Amino acid sequence: MKISTRIPCIAVVAMLAALSDYASAQPAAAEAAPSSATGTKAAASDAKAARAANRKLAHRVENALARTRGLNSARIIVTVRDGHVTLSGAVNYNEQIPFAVEAARKVEGVIDVENRIRVSGASL
């Protein structure tokens, strides 16, 4: 009879040991969660900073286009992504396109310029 009472005791001890291991692992997982949330916040902050930098560069390019002689930049749309500038929209004359591209390239922070400007008649 002593053997039969020891087997359940060994099973209980094994279960307690397993629960102890499980319980000690839980705080580590709980501590890891805030750091991953912090990583998510940092990534969101980085993305927000990148969008702000893109807007700032687009504004500087738009100002450069507006100051360029011989160029009517009213219908040119400037988009920026990580220093890569895309010019789209329309100008009145074919001769204005190189002025726009060159003005955009000269702005500090511009890596490259993609030209999608088309020629159309003057807007009414």
N, C-alpha and C. Protein backbone atom coordinates (compact mmCIF):
# COMPACT_ATOMS: atom_id res chain seq x y z
N MET A 1 0.80 -1.18 0.00
CA MET A 1 0.00 0.00 0.00
C MET A 1 0.85 1.26 0.00
N LYS A 2 2.02 1.18 0.53
CA LYS A 2 2.86 2.35 0.55
C LYS A 2 3.27 2.75 -0.86
N ILE A 3 3.45 1.79 -1.76
CA ILE A 3 3.84 2.10 -3.14
C ILE A 3 2.72 2.86 -3.83
N SER A 4 1.50 2.47 -3.62
CA SER A 4 0.38 3.13 -4.29
C SER A 4 0.17 4.56 -3.79
N THR A 5 0.52 4.88 -2.56
CA THR A 5 0.37 6.25 -2.08
C THR A 5 1.52 7.14 -2.52
N ARG A 6 2.68 6.55 -2.83
CA ARG A 6 3.81 7.35 -3.27
C ARG A 6 3.67 7.79 -4.73
N ILE A 7 3.04 6.99 -5.56
CA ILE A 7 2.89 7.33 -6.98
C ILE A 7 2.09 8.62 -7.14
N PRO A 8 0.94 8.75 -6.47
CA PRO A 8 0.23 10.02 -6.59
C PRO A 8 1.05 11.19 -6.04
N CYS A 9 1.83 10.96 -5.00
CA CYS A 9 2.66 12.04 -4.45
C CYS A 9 3.71 12.48 -5.46
N ILE A 10 4.30 11.53 -6.16
CA ILE A 10 5.30 11.87 -7.18
C ILE A 10 4.64 12.64 -8.31
N ALA A 11 3.43 12.24 -8.69
CA ALA A 11 2.72 12.94 -9.74
C ALA A 11 2.41 14.38 -9.32
N VAL A 12 2.03 14.58 -8.07
CA VAL A 12 1.73 15.91 -7.57
C VAL A 12 3.00 16.76 -7.56
N VAL A 13 4.11 16.18 -7.14
CA VAL A 13 5.37 16.92 -7.11
C VAL A 13 5.77 17.31 -8.53
N ALA A 14 5.60 16.42 -9.50
CA ALA A 14 5.93 16.72 -10.90
C ALA A 14 5.04 17.84 -11.44
N MET A 15 3.76 17.81 -11.10
CA MET A 15 2.85 18.87 -11.56
C MET A 15 3.22 20.21 -10.94
N LEU A 16 3.57 20.19 -9.66
CA LEU A 16 3.97 21.44 -9.00
C LEU A 16 5.24 22.00 -9.64
N ALA A 17 6.17 21.15 -9.98
CA ALA A 17 7.40 21.59 -10.62
C ALA A 17 7.09 22.20 -11.99
N ALA A 18 6.19 21.56 -12.74
CA ALA A 18 5.81 22.09 -14.06
C ALA A 18 5.11 23.43 -13.92
N LEU A 19 4.21 23.55 -12.93
CA LEU A 19 3.54 24.82 -12.70
C LEU A 19 4.52 25.91 -12.27
N SER A 20 5.52 25.54 -11.49
CA SER A 20 6.53 26.50 -11.07
C SER A 20 7.30 27.02 -12.28
N ASP A 21 7.68 26.13 -13.20
CA ASP A 21 8.37 26.55 -14.42
C ASP A 21 7.48 27.46 -15.26
N TYR A 22 6.22 27.11 -15.38
CA TYR A 22 5.27 27.90 -16.15
C TYR A 22 5.11 29.29 -15.53
N ALA A 23 4.96 29.33 -14.21
CA ALA A 23 4.76 30.61 -13.51
C ALA A 23 6.00 31.48 -13.63
N SER A 24 7.19 30.89 -13.60
CA SER A 24 8.40 31.71 -13.70
C SER A 24 8.59 32.24 -15.12
N ALA A 25 8.01 31.57 -16.13
CA ALA A 25 8.11 32.04 -17.51
C ALA A 25 7.14 33.18 -17.77
N GLN A 26 6.05 33.28 -17.07
CA GLN A 26 5.05 34.31 -17.30
C GLN A 26 5.57 35.73 -17.08
N PRO A 27 6.31 36.02 -16.01
CA PRO A 27 6.81 37.39 -15.85
C PRO A 27 7.74 37.79 -17.00
N ALA A 28 8.52 36.87 -17.52
CA ALA A 28 9.42 37.20 -18.63
C ALA A 28 8.61 37.59 -19.86
N ALA A 29 7.52 36.89 -20.12
CA ALA A 29 6.68 37.24 -21.26
C ALA A 29 5.99 38.58 -21.02
N ALA A 30 5.58 38.84 -19.80
CA ALA A 30 4.94 40.11 -19.49
C ALA A 30 5.92 41.27 -19.61
N GLU A 31 7.19 41.03 -19.26
CA GLU A 31 8.20 42.07 -19.39
C GLU A 31 8.55 42.32 -20.85
N ALA A 32 8.47 41.30 -21.69
CA ALA A 32 8.80 41.45 -23.11
C ALA A 32 7.74 42.24 -23.84
N ALA A 33 6.50 42.18 -23.42
CA ALA A 33 5.41 42.88 -24.11
C ALA A 33 5.61 44.39 -24.16
N PRO A 34 5.96 45.05 -23.07
CA PRO A 34 6.15 46.49 -23.17
C PRO A 34 7.28 46.87 -24.13
N SER A 35 8.35 46.09 -24.19
CA SER A 35 9.43 46.45 -25.10
C SER A 35 8.99 46.33 -26.55
N SER A 36 8.15 45.34 -26.87
CA SER A 36 7.66 45.26 -28.24
C SER A 36 6.70 46.40 -28.53
N ALA A 37 5.94 46.82 -27.53
CA ALA A 37 5.07 47.98 -27.72
C ALA A 37 5.91 49.24 -27.90
N THR A 38 7.01 49.32 -27.17
CA THR A 38 7.91 50.46 -27.33
C THR A 38 8.52 50.44 -28.71
N GLY A 39 8.85 49.26 -29.23
CA GLY A 39 9.37 49.15 -30.58
C GLY A 39 8.36 49.61 -31.61
N THR A 40 7.10 49.29 -31.39
CA THR A 40 6.04 49.73 -32.28
C THR A 40 5.90 51.24 -32.24
N LYS A 41 5.99 51.82 -31.05
CA LYS A 41 5.91 53.27 -30.93
C LYS A 41 7.09 53.93 -31.62
N ALA A 42 8.28 53.33 -31.50
CA ALA A 42 9.46 53.90 -32.15
C ALA A 42 9.32 53.83 -33.66
N ALA A 43 8.78 52.73 -34.16
CA ALA A 43 8.57 52.60 -35.61
C ALA A 43 7.55 53.62 -36.09
N ALA A 44 6.49 53.82 -35.33
CA ALA A 44 5.48 54.82 -35.70
C ALA A 44 6.08 56.21 -35.67
N SER A 45 6.94 56.47 -34.69
CA SER A 45 7.60 57.77 -34.60
C SER A 45 8.53 57.98 -35.78
N ASP A 46 9.26 56.92 -36.17
CA ASP A 46 10.15 57.01 -37.34
C ASP A 46 9.35 57.27 -38.60
N ALA A 47 8.23 56.60 -38.76
CA ALA A 47 7.39 56.80 -39.95
C ALA A 47 6.83 58.22 -39.97
N LYS A 48 6.47 58.72 -38.80
CA LYS A 48 5.94 60.08 -38.72
C LYS A 48 7.02 61.09 -39.08
N ALA A 49 8.24 60.86 -38.62
CA ALA A 49 9.35 61.75 -38.94
C ALA A 49 9.67 61.70 -40.44
N ALA A 50 9.58 60.51 -41.04
CA ALA A 50 9.84 60.38 -42.47
C ALA A 50 8.79 61.13 -43.28
N ARG A 51 7.52 61.04 -42.88
CA ARG A 51 6.46 61.78 -43.58
C ARG A 51 6.68 63.28 -43.46
N ALA A 52 7.10 63.72 -42.29
CA ALA A 52 7.36 65.15 -42.09
C ALA A 52 8.53 65.61 -42.96
N ALA A 53 9.57 64.80 -43.05
CA ALA A 53 10.72 65.14 -43.90
C ALA A 53 10.31 65.18 -45.37
N ASN A 54 9.45 64.25 -45.78
CA ASN A 54 8.97 64.24 -47.16
C ASN A 54 8.16 65.51 -47.47
N ARG A 55 7.29 65.90 -46.54
CA ARG A 55 6.48 67.12 -46.73
C ARG A 55 7.37 68.35 -46.81
N LYS A 56 8.38 68.41 -45.95
CA LYS A 56 9.28 69.56 -45.93
C LYS A 56 10.05 69.66 -47.25
N LEU A 57 10.56 68.54 -47.74
CA LEU A 57 11.29 68.54 -49.00
C LEU A 57 10.36 68.90 -50.16
N ALA A 58 9.15 68.39 -50.17
CA ALA A 58 8.19 68.72 -51.22
C ALA A 58 7.91 70.22 -51.22
N HIS A 59 7.79 70.80 -50.05
CA HIS A 59 7.54 72.24 -49.96
C HIS A 59 8.73 73.03 -50.51
N ARG A 60 9.95 72.59 -50.19
CA ARG A 60 11.13 73.28 -50.72
C ARG A 60 11.22 73.16 -52.23
N VAL A 61 10.86 72.00 -52.78
CA VAL A 61 10.86 71.83 -54.24
C VAL A 61 9.79 72.72 -54.87
N GLU A 62 8.61 72.75 -54.28
CA GLU A 62 7.54 73.61 -54.79
C GLU A 62 7.96 75.07 -54.81
N ASN A 63 8.65 75.51 -53.76
CA ASN A 63 9.14 76.89 -53.72
C ASN A 63 10.18 77.13 -54.80
N ALA A 64 11.07 76.17 -55.03
CA ALA A 64 12.08 76.31 -56.07
C ALA A 64 11.41 76.40 -57.45
N LEU A 65 10.39 75.60 -57.67
CA LEU A 65 9.67 75.65 -58.96
C LEU A 65 8.98 77.00 -59.13
N ALA A 66 8.39 77.52 -58.08
CA ALA A 66 7.68 78.79 -58.15
C ALA A 66 8.64 79.94 -58.45
N ARG A 67 9.89 79.84 -57.99
CA ARG A 67 10.87 80.90 -58.22
C ARG A 67 11.60 80.77 -59.56
N THR A 68 11.36 79.70 -60.30
CA THR A 68 12.09 79.46 -61.55
C THR A 68 11.50 80.32 -62.67
N ARG A 69 12.37 81.13 -63.29
CA ARG A 69 11.94 81.97 -64.41
C ARG A 69 11.62 81.11 -65.61
N GLY A 70 10.60 81.50 -66.31
CA GLY A 70 10.21 80.78 -67.52
C GLY A 70 9.38 79.54 -67.25
N LEU A 71 8.96 79.35 -66.01
CA LEU A 71 8.20 78.16 -65.64
C LEU A 71 6.93 78.57 -64.92
N ASN A 72 5.80 78.10 -65.42
CA ASN A 72 4.53 78.27 -64.72
C ASN A 72 4.28 76.97 -63.96
N SER A 73 4.54 77.00 -62.66
CA SER A 73 4.46 75.78 -61.85
C SER A 73 3.10 75.56 -61.21
N ALA A 74 2.11 76.34 -61.58
CA ALA A 74 0.80 76.25 -60.94
C ALA A 74 0.15 74.88 -61.09
N ARG A 75 0.43 74.18 -62.19
CA ARG A 75 -0.21 72.87 -62.40
C ARG A 75 0.77 71.71 -62.25
N ILE A 76 1.90 71.95 -61.58
CA ILE A 76 2.86 70.88 -61.34
C ILE A 76 2.65 70.36 -59.92
N ILE A 77 2.55 69.06 -59.81
CA ILE A 77 2.34 68.39 -58.52
C ILE A 77 3.66 67.74 -58.11
N VAL A 78 4.08 67.99 -56.88
CA VAL A 78 5.33 67.45 -56.35
C VAL A 78 5.01 66.41 -55.30
N THR A 79 5.53 65.20 -55.48
CA THR A 79 5.43 64.17 -54.45
C THR A 79 6.84 63.70 -54.11
N VAL A 80 7.06 63.38 -52.84
CA VAL A 80 8.39 62.99 -52.37
C VAL A 80 8.27 61.75 -51.53
N ARG A 81 9.22 60.84 -51.72
CA ARG A 81 9.33 59.66 -50.87
C ARG A 81 10.81 59.37 -50.66
N ASP A 82 11.27 59.57 -49.45
CA ASP A 82 12.66 59.32 -49.07
C ASP A 82 13.66 60.02 -49.99
N GLY A 83 13.39 61.24 -50.34
CA GLY A 83 14.30 62.02 -51.17
C GLY A 83 14.11 61.85 -52.66
N HIS A 84 13.24 60.93 -53.06
CA HIS A 84 12.95 60.71 -54.48
C HIS A 84 11.74 61.55 -54.85
N VAL A 85 11.94 62.48 -55.77
CA VAL A 85 10.92 63.45 -56.14
C VAL A 85 10.25 63.02 -57.44
N THR A 86 8.93 63.10 -57.48
CA THR A 86 8.17 62.87 -58.70
C THR A 86 7.44 64.16 -59.04
N LEU A 87 7.66 64.62 -60.27
CA LEU A 87 6.95 65.80 -60.77
C LEU A 87 5.89 65.31 -61.73
N SER A 88 4.65 65.70 -61.50
CA SER A 88 3.57 65.32 -62.39
C SER A 88 2.70 66.55 -62.62
N GLY A 89 1.74 66.42 -63.50
CA GLY A 89 0.89 67.54 -63.82
C GLY A 89 1.14 68.01 -65.23
N ALA A 90 0.97 69.29 -65.47
CA ALA A 90 1.06 69.80 -66.84
C ALA A 90 1.71 71.17 -66.87
N VAL A 91 2.35 71.46 -67.98
CA VAL A 91 2.88 72.79 -68.28
C VAL A 91 2.34 73.20 -69.64
N ASN A 92 2.45 74.48 -69.95
CA ASN A 92 1.91 74.99 -71.21
C ASN A 92 2.81 74.67 -72.40
N TYR A 93 4.11 74.66 -72.19
CA TYR A 93 5.06 74.50 -73.30
C TYR A 93 6.10 73.45 -72.95
N ASN A 94 6.52 72.71 -73.95
CA ASN A 94 7.52 71.65 -73.79
C ASN A 94 8.82 72.19 -73.20
N GLU A 95 9.17 73.43 -73.49
CA GLU A 95 10.42 74.03 -73.02
C GLU A 95 10.44 74.20 -71.50
N GLN A 96 9.29 74.17 -70.86
CA GLN A 96 9.23 74.36 -69.41
C GLN A 96 9.62 73.11 -68.63
N ILE A 97 9.50 71.96 -69.24
CA ILE A 97 9.76 70.70 -68.52
C ILE A 97 11.21 70.63 -68.02
N PRO A 98 12.23 70.90 -68.86
CA PRO A 98 13.59 70.84 -68.33
C PRO A 98 13.85 71.84 -67.22
N PHE A 99 13.19 73.02 -67.26
CA PHE A 99 13.34 73.99 -66.18
C PHE A 99 12.86 73.40 -64.86
N ALA A 100 11.74 72.72 -64.90
CA ALA A 100 11.17 72.13 -63.69
C ALA A 100 12.07 71.04 -63.14
N VAL A 101 12.52 70.15 -64.01
CA VAL A 101 13.36 69.03 -63.57
C VAL A 101 14.67 69.55 -62.98
N GLU A 102 15.29 70.52 -63.64
CA GLU A 102 16.57 71.06 -63.17
C GLU A 102 16.40 71.80 -61.84
N ALA A 103 15.33 72.56 -61.71
CA ALA A 103 15.07 73.27 -60.45
C ALA A 103 14.89 72.28 -59.30
N ALA A 104 14.18 71.20 -59.54
CA ALA A 104 13.96 70.20 -58.49
C ALA A 104 15.27 69.51 -58.12
N ARG A 105 16.10 69.20 -59.11
CA ARG A 105 17.38 68.52 -58.83
C ARG A 105 18.31 69.36 -57.97
N LYS A 106 18.22 70.67 -58.09
CA LYS A 106 19.12 71.56 -57.35
C LYS A 106 18.76 71.71 -55.88
N VAL A 107 17.58 71.29 -55.49
CA VAL A 107 17.16 71.43 -54.09
C VAL A 107 17.93 70.43 -53.23
N GLU A 108 18.46 70.94 -52.14
CA GLU A 108 19.23 70.08 -51.23
C GLU A 108 18.33 69.00 -50.63
N GLY A 109 18.81 67.77 -50.65
CA GLY A 109 18.05 66.64 -50.12
C GLY A 109 17.39 65.80 -51.19
N VAL A 110 17.35 66.29 -52.42
CA VAL A 110 16.75 65.54 -53.52
C VAL A 110 17.76 64.50 -54.01
N ILE A 111 17.34 63.25 -54.05
CA ILE A 111 18.20 62.17 -54.52
C ILE A 111 18.06 62.02 -56.03
N ASP A 112 16.83 61.92 -56.49
CA ASP A 112 16.59 61.87 -57.93
C ASP A 112 15.22 62.46 -58.25
N VAL A 113 15.01 62.73 -59.53
CA VAL A 113 13.76 63.34 -59.97
C VAL A 113 13.16 62.50 -61.08
N GLU A 114 11.92 62.10 -60.90
CA GLU A 114 11.18 61.40 -61.95
C GLU A 114 10.23 62.39 -62.59
N ASN A 115 10.31 62.51 -63.89
CA ASN A 115 9.52 63.48 -64.63
C ASN A 115 8.29 62.81 -65.23
N ARG A 116 7.13 63.22 -64.79
CA ARG A 116 5.86 62.76 -65.36
C ARG A 116 5.02 63.95 -65.84
N ILE A 117 5.70 65.05 -66.09
CA ILE A 117 5.01 66.25 -66.53
C ILE A 117 4.61 66.09 -68.01
N ARG A 118 3.41 66.50 -68.34
CA ARG A 118 2.97 66.47 -69.72
C ARG A 118 2.69 67.89 -70.20
N VAL A 119 2.63 68.05 -71.48
CA VAL A 119 2.37 69.36 -72.08
C VAL A 119 0.90 69.42 -72.45
N SER A 120 0.24 70.48 -72.00
CA SER A 120 -1.14 70.72 -72.41
C SER A 120 -1.30 72.21 -72.57
N GLY A 121 -2.33 72.60 -73.24
CA GLY A 121 -2.57 74.02 -73.48
C GLY A 121 -2.83 74.77 -72.20
N ALA A 122 -2.80 76.07 -72.29
CA ALA A 122 -3.04 76.92 -71.12
C ALA A 122 -4.43 76.64 -70.55
N SER A 123 -4.52 76.62 -69.23
CA SER A 123 -5.83 76.40 -68.61
C SER A 123 -6.65 77.67 -68.73
N LEU A 124 -7.94 77.51 -68.86
CA LEU A 124 -8.84 78.66 -69.04
C LEU A 124 -9.33 79.17 -67.72
